[in-house]
N, C-alpha and C. Protein backbone atom coordinates (compact mmCIF):
# COMPACT_ATOMS: atom_id res chain seq x y z
N MET A 1 147.42 91.74 121.82
CA MET A 1 146.30 92.11 122.65
C MET A 1 145.73 93.43 122.13
N ALA A 2 144.42 93.43 121.90
CA ALA A 2 143.76 94.65 121.48
C ALA A 2 143.66 95.59 122.68
N LYS A 3 143.84 96.85 122.42
CA LYS A 3 143.80 97.83 123.50
C LYS A 3 142.75 98.88 123.18
N LYS A 4 142.15 99.41 124.25
CA LYS A 4 141.17 100.47 124.10
C LYS A 4 141.48 101.54 125.13
N HIS A 5 141.59 102.74 124.68
CA HIS A 5 141.85 103.87 125.59
C HIS A 5 140.50 104.40 126.04
N THR A 6 140.33 104.50 127.35
CA THR A 6 139.07 105.00 127.89
C THR A 6 139.32 105.75 129.18
N SER A 7 138.38 106.56 129.58
CA SER A 7 138.47 107.27 130.85
C SER A 7 137.48 106.65 131.82
N LEU A 8 137.92 106.44 133.04
CA LEU A 8 137.06 105.84 134.07
C LEU A 8 137.18 106.64 135.35
N TYR A 9 136.10 106.64 136.11
CA TYR A 9 136.16 107.17 137.47
C TYR A 9 136.29 105.97 138.38
N ILE A 10 137.43 105.86 139.06
CA ILE A 10 137.72 104.71 139.90
C ILE A 10 137.89 105.18 141.34
N ASP A 11 137.26 104.47 142.24
CA ASP A 11 137.38 104.74 143.67
C ASP A 11 138.85 104.56 144.07
N ALA A 12 139.50 105.60 144.54
CA ALA A 12 140.93 105.58 144.86
C ALA A 12 141.25 104.57 145.96
N GLU A 13 140.40 104.46 146.96
CA GLU A 13 140.65 103.50 148.04
C GLU A 13 140.50 102.07 147.54
N LEU A 14 139.52 101.83 146.69
CA LEU A 14 139.32 100.50 146.12
C LEU A 14 140.50 100.12 145.23
N LEU A 15 140.98 101.08 144.45
CA LEU A 15 142.14 100.83 143.60
C LEU A 15 143.36 100.49 144.44
N ALA A 16 143.60 101.25 145.50
CA ALA A 16 144.75 100.99 146.38
C ALA A 16 144.64 99.61 147.02
N ASP A 17 143.45 99.24 147.45
CA ASP A 17 143.23 97.93 148.06
C ASP A 17 143.48 96.83 147.04
N ALA A 18 142.97 97.01 145.82
CA ALA A 18 143.17 96.01 144.77
C ALA A 18 144.66 95.89 144.42
N GLU A 19 145.36 97.01 144.33
CA GLU A 19 146.80 96.97 144.04
C GLU A 19 147.54 96.16 145.11
N ARG A 20 147.18 96.41 146.36
CA ARG A 20 147.83 95.70 147.46
C ARG A 20 147.55 94.20 147.38
N LEU A 21 146.30 93.84 147.18
CA LEU A 21 145.91 92.43 147.15
C LEU A 21 146.43 91.69 145.93
N LEU A 22 146.46 92.38 144.79
CA LEU A 22 146.89 91.74 143.55
C LEU A 22 148.39 91.84 143.32
N GLY A 23 149.05 92.70 144.09
CA GLY A 23 150.49 92.88 143.91
C GLY A 23 150.82 93.62 142.62
N THR A 24 149.93 94.52 142.22
CA THR A 24 150.13 95.27 140.99
C THR A 24 150.51 96.70 141.32
N SER A 25 150.91 97.44 140.29
CA SER A 25 151.21 98.86 140.50
C SER A 25 150.62 99.64 139.34
N GLY A 26 149.90 100.67 139.68
CA GLY A 26 149.30 101.53 138.66
C GLY A 26 147.91 101.06 138.27
N PRO A 27 147.09 102.00 137.87
CA PRO A 27 145.70 101.69 137.54
C PRO A 27 145.54 100.72 136.37
N THR A 28 146.32 100.88 135.32
CA THR A 28 146.16 100.02 134.14
C THR A 28 146.44 98.57 134.48
N GLU A 29 147.57 98.31 135.11
CA GLU A 29 147.93 96.93 135.47
C GLU A 29 146.90 96.36 136.45
N THR A 30 146.46 97.16 137.39
CA THR A 30 145.52 96.69 138.40
C THR A 30 144.17 96.37 137.78
N VAL A 31 143.65 97.24 136.95
CA VAL A 31 142.35 97.00 136.32
C VAL A 31 142.43 95.78 135.39
N ASN A 32 143.49 95.69 134.58
CA ASN A 32 143.63 94.52 133.69
C ASN A 32 143.72 93.23 134.47
N THR A 33 144.49 93.22 135.55
CA THR A 33 144.62 92.02 136.38
C THR A 33 143.30 91.68 137.04
N ALA A 34 142.60 92.69 137.55
CA ALA A 34 141.31 92.46 138.20
C ALA A 34 140.29 91.92 137.21
N LEU A 35 140.26 92.44 136.00
CA LEU A 35 139.34 91.94 134.98
C LEU A 35 139.66 90.50 134.62
N ARG A 36 140.94 90.19 134.49
CA ARG A 36 141.37 88.82 134.18
C ARG A 36 140.95 87.86 135.31
N GLU A 37 141.18 88.29 136.55
CA GLU A 37 140.81 87.46 137.71
C GLU A 37 139.29 87.25 137.76
N ALA A 38 138.53 88.29 137.48
CA ALA A 38 137.06 88.19 137.50
C ALA A 38 136.58 87.22 136.43
N ALA A 39 137.12 87.32 135.22
CA ALA A 39 136.73 86.41 134.14
C ALA A 39 137.10 84.97 134.48
N ASP A 40 138.29 84.75 135.05
CA ASP A 40 138.71 83.40 135.45
C ASP A 40 137.80 82.84 136.53
N LEU A 41 137.41 83.68 137.47
CA LEU A 41 136.52 83.24 138.55
C LEU A 41 135.17 82.78 138.00
N VAL A 42 134.61 83.54 137.08
CA VAL A 42 133.33 83.17 136.49
C VAL A 42 133.48 81.87 135.69
N ARG A 43 134.58 81.72 134.96
CA ARG A 43 134.81 80.47 134.21
C ARG A 43 134.87 79.27 135.15
N ARG A 44 135.58 79.43 136.29
CA ARG A 44 135.68 78.32 137.26
C ARG A 44 134.33 78.02 137.87
N ARG A 45 133.54 79.04 138.19
CA ARG A 45 132.20 78.83 138.73
C ARG A 45 131.33 78.08 137.73
N ASN A 46 131.42 78.47 136.46
CA ASN A 46 130.64 77.80 135.42
C ASN A 46 131.08 76.35 135.25
N LEU A 47 132.36 76.10 135.38
CA LEU A 47 132.89 74.75 135.25
C LEU A 47 132.34 73.86 136.36
N LEU A 48 132.19 74.41 137.55
CA LEU A 48 131.64 73.64 138.67
C LEU A 48 130.20 73.21 138.41
N LYS A 49 129.49 73.95 137.57
CA LYS A 49 128.10 73.62 137.26
C LYS A 49 127.99 72.60 136.12
N THR A 50 129.11 72.30 135.47
CA THR A 50 129.11 71.41 134.32
C THR A 50 129.01 69.96 134.74
N SER A 51 128.18 69.22 134.06
CA SER A 51 128.06 67.79 134.31
C SER A 51 128.96 67.06 133.31
N PHE A 52 129.88 66.27 133.81
CA PHE A 52 130.81 65.57 132.94
C PHE A 52 130.38 64.12 132.70
N ASN A 53 129.31 63.69 133.37
CA ASN A 53 128.78 62.33 133.19
C ASN A 53 129.85 61.26 133.37
N ILE A 54 130.64 61.37 134.43
CA ILE A 54 131.60 60.33 134.76
C ILE A 54 131.28 59.80 136.14
N THR A 55 131.63 58.54 136.35
CA THR A 55 131.35 57.91 137.63
C THR A 55 132.46 58.23 138.62
N GLU A 56 132.17 57.99 139.89
CA GLU A 56 133.19 58.17 140.94
C GLU A 56 134.39 57.27 140.65
N GLU A 57 134.12 56.06 140.18
CA GLU A 57 135.20 55.11 139.85
C GLU A 57 136.10 55.67 138.75
N GLU A 58 135.49 56.22 137.69
CA GLU A 58 136.27 56.81 136.60
C GLU A 58 137.08 58.00 137.09
N LEU A 59 136.47 58.82 137.93
CA LEU A 59 137.17 59.98 138.48
C LEU A 59 138.36 59.54 139.34
N ARG A 60 138.15 58.54 140.18
CA ARG A 60 139.23 58.02 141.01
C ARG A 60 140.38 57.49 140.14
N HIS A 61 140.04 56.78 139.07
CA HIS A 61 141.05 56.24 138.15
C HIS A 61 141.82 57.39 137.49
N MET A 62 141.10 58.43 137.03
CA MET A 62 141.76 59.56 136.38
C MET A 62 142.72 60.26 137.34
N ARG A 63 142.31 60.41 138.59
CA ARG A 63 143.17 61.06 139.57
C ARG A 63 144.45 60.28 139.79
N HIS A 64 144.36 58.98 139.82
CA HIS A 64 145.55 58.16 140.06
C HIS A 64 146.40 58.01 138.81
N GLU A 65 145.82 58.15 137.64
CA GLU A 65 146.58 58.05 136.39
C GLU A 65 147.42 59.31 136.15
N THR A 66 146.87 60.48 136.50
CA THR A 66 147.55 61.72 136.13
C THR A 66 147.83 62.63 137.33
N GLY A 67 147.28 62.29 138.46
CA GLY A 67 147.39 63.16 139.62
C GLY A 67 148.64 62.90 140.43
N PRO A 68 148.66 63.39 141.66
CA PRO A 68 149.84 63.31 142.51
C PRO A 68 150.19 61.87 142.93
N TYR A 69 149.25 60.93 142.72
CA TYR A 69 149.52 59.55 143.10
C TYR A 69 149.90 58.67 141.91
N ALA A 70 150.07 59.29 140.74
CA ALA A 70 150.43 58.53 139.55
C ALA A 70 151.81 57.92 139.73
N GLU A 71 151.95 56.70 139.21
CA GLU A 71 153.26 56.03 139.29
C GLU A 71 154.17 56.58 138.20
N ASP A 72 155.45 56.75 138.53
CA ASP A 72 156.41 57.20 137.53
C ASP A 72 156.67 56.07 136.56
N GLU A 73 156.81 56.44 135.29
CA GLU A 73 157.08 55.42 134.28
C GLU A 73 158.55 55.31 134.00
């Protein structure tokens, strides 16, 4: 992982709240985790906008082939 040393002014109350919610300790871990979570959230939002051009029937079949209702082989 590439690292960059930088100085930031961070709201102390916001940092404490983020640490509590994310279960992290210290500014570095908290900021890295928050950035990772933010990037993942945007990726998931973008994925929701993606058209996969599959029918409901195909989707239902895929869910049963690999999902929680798949038969054990």
